[in-house]
Structures are given as structure tokens and as C-alpha cells.
PDB file of all heavy atoms in Angstrom:
ATOM      1  N   ARG A   1     -26.723  35.505  15.104  1.00  0.00           N
ATOM      2  CA  ARG A   1     -27.003  34.260  15.838  1.00  0.00           C
ATOM      3  C   ARG A   1     -27.743  34.535  17.148  1.00  0.00           C
ATOM      4  O   ARG A   1     -28.666  33.812  17.521  1.00  0.00           O
ATOM      5  CB  ARG A   1     -25.704  33.511  16.111  1.00  0.00           C
ATOM      6  CG  ARG A   1     -25.120  32.880  14.869  1.00  0.00           C
ATOM      7  CD  ARG A   1     -23.870  32.042  15.191  1.00  0.00           C
ATOM      8  NE  ARG A   1     -23.089  31.870  13.991  1.00  0.00           N
ATOM      9  CZ  ARG A   1     -21.986  32.552  13.688  1.00  0.00           C
ATOM     10  NH1 ARG A   1     -21.500  33.442  14.530  1.00  0.00           N
ATOM     11  NH2 ARG A   1     -21.354  32.330  12.557  1.00  0.00           N
ATOM     12  N   GLU A   2     -27.339  35.595  17.839  1.00  0.00           N
ATOM     13  CA  GLU A   2     -28.014  35.966  19.096  1.00  0.00           C
ATOM     14  C   GLU A   2     -29.442  36.430  18.833  1.00  0.00           C
ATOM     15  O   GLU A   2     -30.359  36.071  19.579  1.00  0.00           O
ATOM     16  CB  GLU A   2     -27.232  37.065  19.821  1.00  0.00           C
ATOM     17  CG  GLU A   2     -25.935  36.607  20.433  1.00  0.00           C
ATOM     18  CD  GLU A   2     -26.135  35.664  21.600  1.00  0.00           C
ATOM     19  OE1 GLU A   2     -27.076  35.860  22.381  1.00  0.00           O
ATOM     20  OE2 GLU A   2     -25.343  34.717  21.714  1.00  0.00           O
ATOM     21  N   VAL A   3     -29.628  37.228  17.795  1.00  0.00           N
ATOM     22  CA  VAL A   3     -30.968  37.723  17.464  1.00  0.00           C
ATOM     23  C   VAL A   3     -31.896  36.552  17.157  1.00  0.00           C
ATOM     24  O   VAL A   3     -33.069  36.564  17.553  1.00  0.00           O
ATOM     25  CB  VAL A   3     -30.918  38.723  16.282  1.00  0.00           C
ATOM     26  CG1 VAL A   3     -32.300  38.985  15.710  1.00  0.00           C
ATOM     27  CG2 VAL A   3     -30.268  40.030  16.725  1.00  0.00           C
ATOM     28  N   ARG A   4     -31.398  35.550  16.506  1.00  0.00           N
ATOM     29  CA  ARG A   4     -32.223  34.388  16.161  1.00  0.00           C
ATOM     30  C   ARG A   4     -32.683  33.620  17.410  1.00  0.00           C
ATOM     31  O   ARG A   4     -33.639  32.850  17.334  1.00  0.00           O
ATOM     32  CB  ARG A   4     -31.479  33.458  15.206  1.00  0.00           C
ATOM     33  CG  ARG A   4     -31.381  34.035  13.821  1.00  0.00           C
ATOM     34  CD  ARG A   4     -32.766  34.147  13.214  1.00  0.00           C
ATOM     35  NE  ARG A   4     -32.760  34.922  11.998  1.00  0.00           N
ATOM     36  CZ  ARG A   4     -33.519  35.984  11.789  1.00  0.00           C
ATOM     37  NH1 ARG A   4     -34.334  36.415  12.726  1.00  0.00           N
ATOM     38  NH2 ARG A   4     -33.478  36.632  10.654  1.00  0.00           N
ATOM     39  N   CYS A   5     -32.054  33.844  18.548  1.00  0.00           N
ATOM     40  CA  CYS A   5     -32.458  33.193  19.807  1.00  0.00           C
ATOM     41  C   CYS A   5     -33.517  34.000  20.555  1.00  0.00           C
ATOM     42  O   CYS A   5     -34.071  33.520  21.545  1.00  0.00           O
ATOM     43  CB  CYS A   5     -31.241  33.007  20.716  1.00  0.00           C
ATOM     44  SG  CYS A   5     -30.023  31.860  20.056  1.00  0.00           S
ATOM     45  N   ILE A   6     -33.803  35.209  20.084  1.00  0.00           N
ATOM     46  CA  ILE A   6     -34.773  36.079  20.746  1.00  0.00           C
ATOM     47  C   ILE A   6     -36.168  35.761  20.221  1.00  0.00           C
ATOM     48  O   ILE A   6     -36.351  35.512  19.032  1.00  0.00           O
ATOM     49  CB  ILE A   6     -34.407  37.566  20.494  1.00  0.00           C
ATOM     50  CG1 ILE A   6     -33.048  37.874  21.120  1.00  0.00           C
ATOM     51  CG2 ILE A   6     -35.483  38.503  21.022  1.00  0.00           C
ATOM     52  CD1 ILE A   6     -32.484  39.233  20.752  1.00  0.00           C
ATOM     53  N   ARG A   7     -37.136  35.785  21.102  1.00  0.00           N
ATOM     54  CA  ARG A   7     -38.510  35.442  20.728  1.00  0.00           C
ATOM     55  C   ARG A   7     -39.014  36.315  19.582  1.00  0.00           C
ATOM     56  O   ARG A   7     -39.615  35.829  18.640  1.00  0.00           O
ATOM     57  CB  ARG A   7     -39.422  35.569  21.941  1.00  0.00           C
ATOM     58  CG  ARG A   7     -40.825  35.103  21.689  1.00  0.00           C
ATOM     59  CD  ARG A   7     -41.642  35.130  22.926  1.00  0.00           C
ATOM     60  NE  ARG A   7     -41.373  36.368  23.642  1.00  0.00           N
ATOM     61  CZ  ARG A   7     -41.911  36.711  24.783  1.00  0.00           C
ATOM     62  NH1 ARG A   7     -42.770  35.922  25.359  1.00  0.00           N
ATOM     63  NH2 ARG A   7     -41.613  37.839  25.374  1.00  0.00           N
ATOM     64  N   HIS A   8     -38.816  37.617  19.669  1.00  0.00           N
ATOM     65  CA  HIS A   8     -39.178  38.517  18.574  1.00  0.00           C
ATOM     66  C   HIS A   8     -37.996  38.539  17.621  1.00  0.00           C
ATOM     67  O   HIS A   8     -36.974  39.137  17.908  1.00  0.00           O
ATOM     68  CB  HIS A   8     -39.466  39.927  19.106  1.00  0.00           C
ATOM     69  CG  HIS A   8     -39.517  40.953  18.008  1.00  0.00           C
ATOM     70  ND1 HIS A   8     -40.555  41.023  17.119  1.00  0.00           N
ATOM     71  CD2 HIS A   8     -38.645  41.920  17.640  1.00  0.00           C
ATOM     72  CE1 HIS A   8     -40.320  42.006  16.268  1.00  0.00           C
ATOM     73  NE2 HIS A   8     -39.166  42.567  16.567  1.00  0.00           N
ATOM     74  N   SER A   9     -38.113  37.868  16.502  1.00  0.00           N
ATOM     75  CA  SER A   9     -36.985  37.720  15.595  1.00  0.00           C
ATOM     76  C   SER A   9     -37.233  38.489  14.298  1.00  0.00           C
ATOM     77  O   SER A   9     -37.970  38.037  13.431  1.00  0.00           O
ATOM     78  CB  SER A   9     -36.774  36.235  15.298  1.00  0.00           C
ATOM     79  OG  SER A   9     -35.580  36.041  14.615  1.00  0.00           O
ATOM     80  N   PRO A  10     -36.635  39.672  14.165  1.00  0.00           N
ATOM     81  CA  PRO A  10     -36.826  40.481  12.956  1.00  0.00           C
ATOM     82  C   PRO A  10     -36.107  39.886  11.753  1.00  0.00           C
ATOM     83  O   PRO A  10     -35.246  39.013  11.890  1.00  0.00           O
ATOM     84  CB  PRO A  10     -36.208  41.822  13.341  1.00  0.00           C
ATOM     85  CG  PRO A  10     -35.203  41.484  14.384  1.00  0.00           C
ATOM     86  CD  PRO A  10     -35.746  40.296  15.126  1.00  0.00           C
ATOM     87  N   LEU A  11     -36.444  40.378  10.591  1.00  0.00           N
ATOM     88  CA  LEU A  11     -35.730  39.999   9.386  1.00  0.00           C
ATOM     89  C   LEU A  11     -34.342  40.623   9.434  1.00  0.00           C
ATOM     90  O   LEU A  11     -34.182  41.764   9.881  1.00  0.00           O
ATOM     91  CB  LEU A  11     -36.496  40.480   8.157  1.00  0.00           C
ATOM     92  CG  LEU A  11     -37.843  39.794   7.943  1.00  0.00           C
ATOM     93  CD1 LEU A  11     -38.680  40.567   6.956  1.00  0.00           C
ATOM     94  CD2 LEU A  11     -37.642  38.366   7.481  1.00  0.00           C
ATOM     95  N   LEU A  12     -33.352  39.887   8.969  1.00  0.00           N
ATOM     96  CA  LEU A  12     -31.974  40.354   9.001  1.00  0.00           C
ATOM     97  C   LEU A  12     -31.450  40.573   7.588  1.00  0.00           C
ATOM     98  O   LEU A  12     -31.561  39.683   6.739  1.00  0.00           O
ATOM     99  CB  LEU A  12     -31.078  39.353   9.719  1.00  0.00           C
ATOM    100  CG  LEU A  12     -31.398  39.103  11.190  1.00  0.00           C
ATOM    101  CD1 LEU A  12     -30.504  37.999  11.741  1.00  0.00           C
ATOM    102  CD2 LEU A  12     -31.228  40.374  12.000  1.00  0.00           C
ATOM    103  N   VAL A  13     -30.881  41.754   7.367  1.00  0.00           N
ATOM    104  CA  VAL A  13     -30.294  42.106   6.078  1.00  0.00           C
ATOM    105  C   VAL A  13     -28.856  42.537   6.326  1.00  0.00           C
ATOM    106  O   VAL A  13     -28.618  43.528   7.028  1.00  0.00           O
ATOM    107  CB  VAL A  13     -31.076  43.253   5.398  1.00  0.00           C
ATOM    108  CG1 VAL A  13     -30.413  43.629   4.070  1.00  0.00           C
ATOM    109  CG2 VAL A  13     -32.536  42.875   5.197  1.00  0.00           C
ATOM    110  N   ALA A  14     -27.903  41.785   5.776  1.00  0.00           N
ATOM    111  CA  ALA A  14     -26.500  42.194   5.881  1.00  0.00           C
ATOM    112  C   ALA A  14     -26.269  43.356   4.928  1.00  0.00           C
ATOM    113  O   ALA A  14     -26.695  43.317   3.772  1.00  0.00           O
ATOM    114  CB  ALA A  14     -25.578  41.035   5.532  1.00  0.00           C
ATOM    115  N   LEU A  15     -25.609  44.387   5.416  1.00  0.00           N
ATOM    116  CA  LEU A  15     -25.177  45.519   4.599  1.00  0.00           C
ATOM    117  C   LEU A  15     -23.713  45.720   4.958  1.00  0.00           C
ATOM    118  O   LEU A  15     -23.385  46.336   5.970  1.00  0.00           O
ATOM    119  CB  LEU A  15     -26.015  46.762   4.904  1.00  0.00           C
ATOM    120  CG  LEU A  15     -25.756  47.983   4.038  1.00  0.00           C
ATOM    121  CD1 LEU A  15     -25.924  47.651   2.551  1.00  0.00           C
ATOM    122  CD2 LEU A  15     -26.691  49.107   4.425  1.00  0.00           C
ATOM    123  N   THR A  16     -22.839  45.149   4.141  1.00  0.00           N
ATOM    124  CA  THR A  16     -21.444  44.992   4.539  1.00  0.00           C
ATOM    125  C   THR A  16     -20.483  45.199   3.378  1.00  0.00           C
ATOM    126  O   THR A  16     -20.884  45.111   2.214  1.00  0.00           O
ATOM    127  CB  THR A  16     -21.252  43.580   5.134  1.00  0.00           C
ATOM    128  OG1 THR A  16     -19.909  43.434   5.594  1.00  0.00           O
ATOM    129  CG2 THR A  16     -21.568  42.487   4.132  1.00  0.00           C
ATOM    130  N   GLY A  17     -19.244  45.453   3.718  1.00  0.00           N
ATOM    131  CA  GLY A  17     -18.187  45.536   2.723  1.00  0.00           C
ATOM    132  C   GLY A  17     -17.567  44.186   2.414  1.00  0.00           C
ATOM    133  O   GLY A  17     -16.749  44.055   1.509  1.00  0.00           O
ATOM    134  N   PHE A  18     -17.952  43.160   3.160  1.00  0.00           N
ATOM    135  CA  PHE A  18     -17.415  41.812   2.957  1.00  0.00           C
ATOM    136  C   PHE A  18     -18.175  41.134   1.824  1.00  0.00           C
ATOM    137  O   PHE A  18     -19.282  40.650   2.014  1.00  0.00           O
ATOM    138  CB  PHE A  18     -17.552  40.974   4.228  1.00  0.00           C
ATOM    139  CG  PHE A  18     -16.826  41.519   5.425  1.00  0.00           C
ATOM    140  CD1 PHE A  18     -17.279  41.246   6.693  1.00  0.00           C
ATOM    141  CD2 PHE A  18     -15.689  42.305   5.301  1.00  0.00           C
ATOM    142  CE1 PHE A  18     -16.618  41.727   7.818  1.00  0.00           C
ATOM    143  CE2 PHE A  18     -15.016  42.796   6.415  1.00  0.00           C
ATOM    144  CZ  PHE A  18     -15.487  42.501   7.670  1.00  0.00           C
ATOM    145  N   ALA A  19     -17.558  41.070   0.650  1.00  0.00           N
ATOM    146  CA  ALA A  19     -18.277  40.610  -0.542  1.00  0.00           C
ATOM    147  C   ALA A  19     -18.025  39.146  -0.912  1.00  0.00           C
ATOM    148  O   ALA A  19     -18.750  38.606  -1.735  1.00  0.00           O
ATOM    149  CB  ALA A  19     -17.904  41.495  -1.727  1.00  0.00           C
ATOM    150  N   HIS A  20     -17.041  38.504  -0.326  1.00  0.00           N
ATOM    151  CA  HIS A  20     -16.700  37.137  -0.728  1.00  0.00           C
ATOM    152  C   HIS A  20     -17.825  36.149  -0.436  1.00  0.00           C
ATOM    153  O   HIS A  20     -18.591  36.314   0.513  1.00  0.00           O
ATOM    154  CB  HIS A  20     -15.420  36.687  -0.010  1.00  0.00           C
ATOM    155  CG  HIS A  20     -14.219  37.438  -0.467  1.00  0.00           C
ATOM    156  ND1 HIS A  20     -13.792  38.582   0.159  1.00  0.00           N
ATOM    157  CD2 HIS A  20     -13.377  37.224  -1.496  1.00  0.00           C
ATOM    158  CE1 HIS A  20     -12.719  39.033  -0.453  1.00  0.00           C
ATOM    159  NE2 HIS A  20     -12.446  38.241  -1.464  1.00  0.00           N
ATOM    160  N   GLN A  21     -17.876  35.097  -1.235  1.00  0.00           N
ATOM    161  CA  GLN A  21     -18.914  34.074  -1.080  1.00  0.00           C
ATOM    162  C   GLN A  21     -18.890  33.453   0.312  1.00  0.00           C
ATOM    163  O   GLN A  21     -19.933  33.109   0.865  1.00  0.00           O
ATOM    164  CB  GLN A  21     -18.755  32.990  -2.152  1.00  0.00           C
ATOM    165  CG  GLN A  21     -19.866  31.975  -2.162  1.00  0.00           C
ATOM    166  CD  GLN A  21     -21.224  32.578  -2.458  1.00  0.00           C
ATOM    167  OE1 GLN A  21     -21.353  33.418  -3.358  1.00  0.00           O
ATOM    168  NE2 GLN A  21     -22.246  32.187  -1.717  1.00  0.00           N
ATOM    169  N   GLN A  22     -17.721  33.330   0.905  1.00  0.00           N
ATOM    170  CA  GLN A  22     -17.605  32.775   2.260  1.00  0.00           C
ATOM    171  C   GLN A  22     -18.477  33.546   3.242  1.00  0.00           C
ATOM    172  O   GLN A  22     -19.166  32.967   4.074  1.00  0.00           O
ATOM    173  CB  GLN A  22     -16.146  32.822   2.721  1.00  0.00           C
ATOM    174  CG  GLN A  22     -15.957  32.507   4.184  1.00  0.00           C
ATOM    175  CD  GLN A  22     -14.546  32.831   4.666  1.00  0.00           C
ATOM    176  OE1 GLN A  22     -13.653  33.100   3.877  1.00  0.00           O
ATOM    177  NE2 GLN A  22     -14.357  32.814   5.965  1.00  0.00           N
ATOM    178  N   TYR A  23     -18.465  34.874   3.144  1.00  0.00           N
ATOM    179  CA  TYR A  23     -19.271  35.702   4.045  1.00  0.00           C
ATOM    180  C   TYR A  23     -20.761  35.531   3.760  1.00  0.00           C
ATOM    181  O   TYR A  23     -21.576  35.507   4.682  1.00  0.00           O
ATOM    182  CB  TYR A  23     -18.877  37.179   3.943  1.00  0.00           C
ATOM    183  CG  TYR A  23     -17.477  37.427   4.426  1.00  0.00           C
ATOM    184  CD1 TYR A  23     -16.471  37.759   3.533  1.00  0.00           C
ATOM    185  CD2 TYR A  23     -17.155  37.311   5.771  1.00  0.00           C
ATOM    186  CE1 TYR A  23     -15.168  37.984   3.967  1.00  0.00           C
ATOM    187  CE2 TYR A  23     -15.861  37.539   6.219  1.00  0.00           C
ATOM    188  CZ  TYR A  23     -14.873  37.865   5.314  1.00  0.00           C
ATOM    189  OH  TYR A  23     -13.599  38.082   5.756  1.00  0.00           O
ATOM    190  N   ARG A  24     -21.112  35.406   2.501  1.00  0.00           N
ATOM    191  CA  ARG A  24     -22.516  35.173   2.141  1.00  0.00           C
ATOM    192  C   ARG A  24     -23.001  33.846   2.746  1.00  0.00           C
ATOM    193  O   ARG A  24     -24.091  33.773   3.292  1.00  0.00           O
ATOM    194  CB  ARG A  24     -22.694  35.150   0.627  1.00  0.00           C
ATOM    195  CG  ARG A  24     -22.462  36.496  -0.025  1.00  0.00           C
ATOM    196  CD  ARG A  24     -22.513  36.376  -1.556  1.00  0.00           C
ATOM    197  NE  ARG A  24     -22.166  37.611  -2.189  1.00  0.00           N
ATOM    198  CZ  ARG A  24     -23.029  38.585  -2.488  1.00  0.00           C
ATOM    199  NH1 ARG A  24     -24.298  38.426  -2.203  1.00  0.00           N
ATOM    200  NH2 ARG A  24     -22.616  39.693  -3.062  1.00  0.00           N
ATOM    201  N   ASP A  25     -22.168  32.827   2.628  1.00  0.00           N
ATOM    202  CA  ASP A  25     -22.522  31.517   3.169  1.00  0.00           C
ATOM    203  C   ASP A  25     -22.652  31.568   4.690  1.00  0.00           C
ATOM    204  O   ASP A  25     -23.608  31.031   5.258  1.00  0.00           O
ATOM    205  CB  ASP A  25     -21.475  30.470   2.771  1.00  0.00           C
ATOM    206  CG  ASP A  25     -21.432  30.205   1.274  1.00  0.00           C
ATOM    207  OD1 ASP A  25     -22.392  30.580   0.553  1.00  0.00           O
ATOM    208  OD2 ASP A  25     -20.414  29.640   0.807  1.00  0.00           O
ATOM    209  N   GLU A  26     -21.695  32.212   5.351  1.00  0.00           N
ATOM    210  CA  GLU A  26     -21.733  32.330   6.810  1.00  0.00           C
ATOM    211  C   GLU A  26     -22.933  33.159   7.265  1.00  0.00           C
ATOM    212  O   GLU A  26     -23.558  32.847   8.276  1.00  0.00           O
ATOM    213  CB  GLU A  26     -20.433  32.947   7.330  1.00  0.00           C
ATOM    214  CG  GLU A  26     -19.238  32.022   7.197  1.00  0.00           C
ATOM    215  CD  GLU A  26     -17.924  32.667   7.617  1.00  0.00           C
ATOM    216  OE1 GLU A  26     -17.923  33.836   8.056  1.00  0.00           O
ATOM    217  OE2 GLU A  26     -16.893  31.984   7.499  1.00  0.00           O
ATOM    218  N   ALA A  27     -23.249  34.196   6.505  1.00  0.00           N
ATOM    219  CA  ALA A  27     -24.412  35.030   6.840  1.00  0.00           C
ATOM    220  C   ALA A  27     -25.696  34.213   6.751  1.00  0.00           C
ATOM    221  O   ALA A  27     -26.547  34.283   7.642  1.00  0.00           O
ATOM    222  CB  ALA A  27     -24.471  36.244   5.911  1.00  0.00           C
ATOM    223  N   GLY A  28     -25.836  33.440   5.695  1.00  0.00           N
ATOM    224  CA  GLY A  28     -27.021  32.591   5.552  1.00  0.00           C
ATOM    225  C   GLY A  28     -27.128  31.584   6.687  1.00  0.00           C
ATOM    226  O   GLY A  28     -28.210  31.374   7.247  1.00  0.00           O
ATOM    227  N   ALA A  29     -26.008  30.990   7.071  1.00  0.00           N
ATOM    228  CA  ALA A  29     -26.005  30.022   8.167  1.00  0.00           C
ATOM    229  C   ALA A  29     -26.351  30.680   9.503  1.00  0.00           C
ATOM    230  O   ALA A  29     -26.902  30.030  10.393  1.00  0.00           O
ATOM    231  CB  ALA A  29     -24.640  29.336   8.256  1.00  0.00           C
ATOM    232  N   ALA A  30     -26.064  31.982   9.630  1.00  0.00           N
ATOM    233  CA  ALA A  30     -26.359  32.707  10.869  1.00  0.00           C
ATOM    234  C   ALA A  30     -27.799  33.222  10.911  1.00  0.00           C
ATOM    235  O   ALA A  30     -28.219  33.797  11.907  1.00  0.00           O
ATOM    236  CB  ALA A  30     -25.387  33.876  11.032  1.00  0.00           C
ATOM    237  N   GLY A  31     -28.547  33.028   9.827  1.00  0.00           N
ATOM    238  CA  GLY A  31     -29.947  33.437   9.810  1.00  0.00           C
ATOM    239  C   GLY A  31     -30.223  34.751   9.102  1.00  0.00           C
ATOM    240  O   GLY A  31     -31.314  35.305   9.211  1.00  0.00           O
ATOM    241  N   ILE A  32     -29.261  35.244   8.353  1.00  0.00           N
ATOM    242  CA  ILE A  32     -29.437  36.489   7.602  1.00  0.00           C
ATOM    243  C   ILE A  32     -30.107  36.153   6.276  1.00  0.00           C
ATOM    244  O   ILE A  32     -29.604  35.340   5.506  1.00  0.00           O
ATOM    245  CB  ILE A  32     -28.086  37.200   7.394  1.00  0.00           C
ATOM    246  CG1 ILE A  32     -27.529  37.630   8.766  1.00  0.00           C
ATOM    247  CG2 ILE A  32     -28.226  38.377   6.446  1.00  0.00           C
ATOM    248  CD1 ILE A  32     -26.125  38.189   8.735  1.00  0.00           C
TER     249      ILE A  32
END
């Protein structure tokens, strides 16, 4: 969320052990 507020906004790729759909949904909402 903080990165998305920065003028230079890189692509975001989650690489995580959190596999549940809830985390996928939250990640998408955060701009990942």
C-alpha cells in the first residue's frame, strides 16, 4: 500500500507462504 503511494511504482509480486484465497484477495486490493 505504501509503495503504491510512491511516484515510482514498481510491479509487485507476492512471494509468500500464505496460500489462502483471503491473502490473494487482500494482496490484489493492496496493488500486488
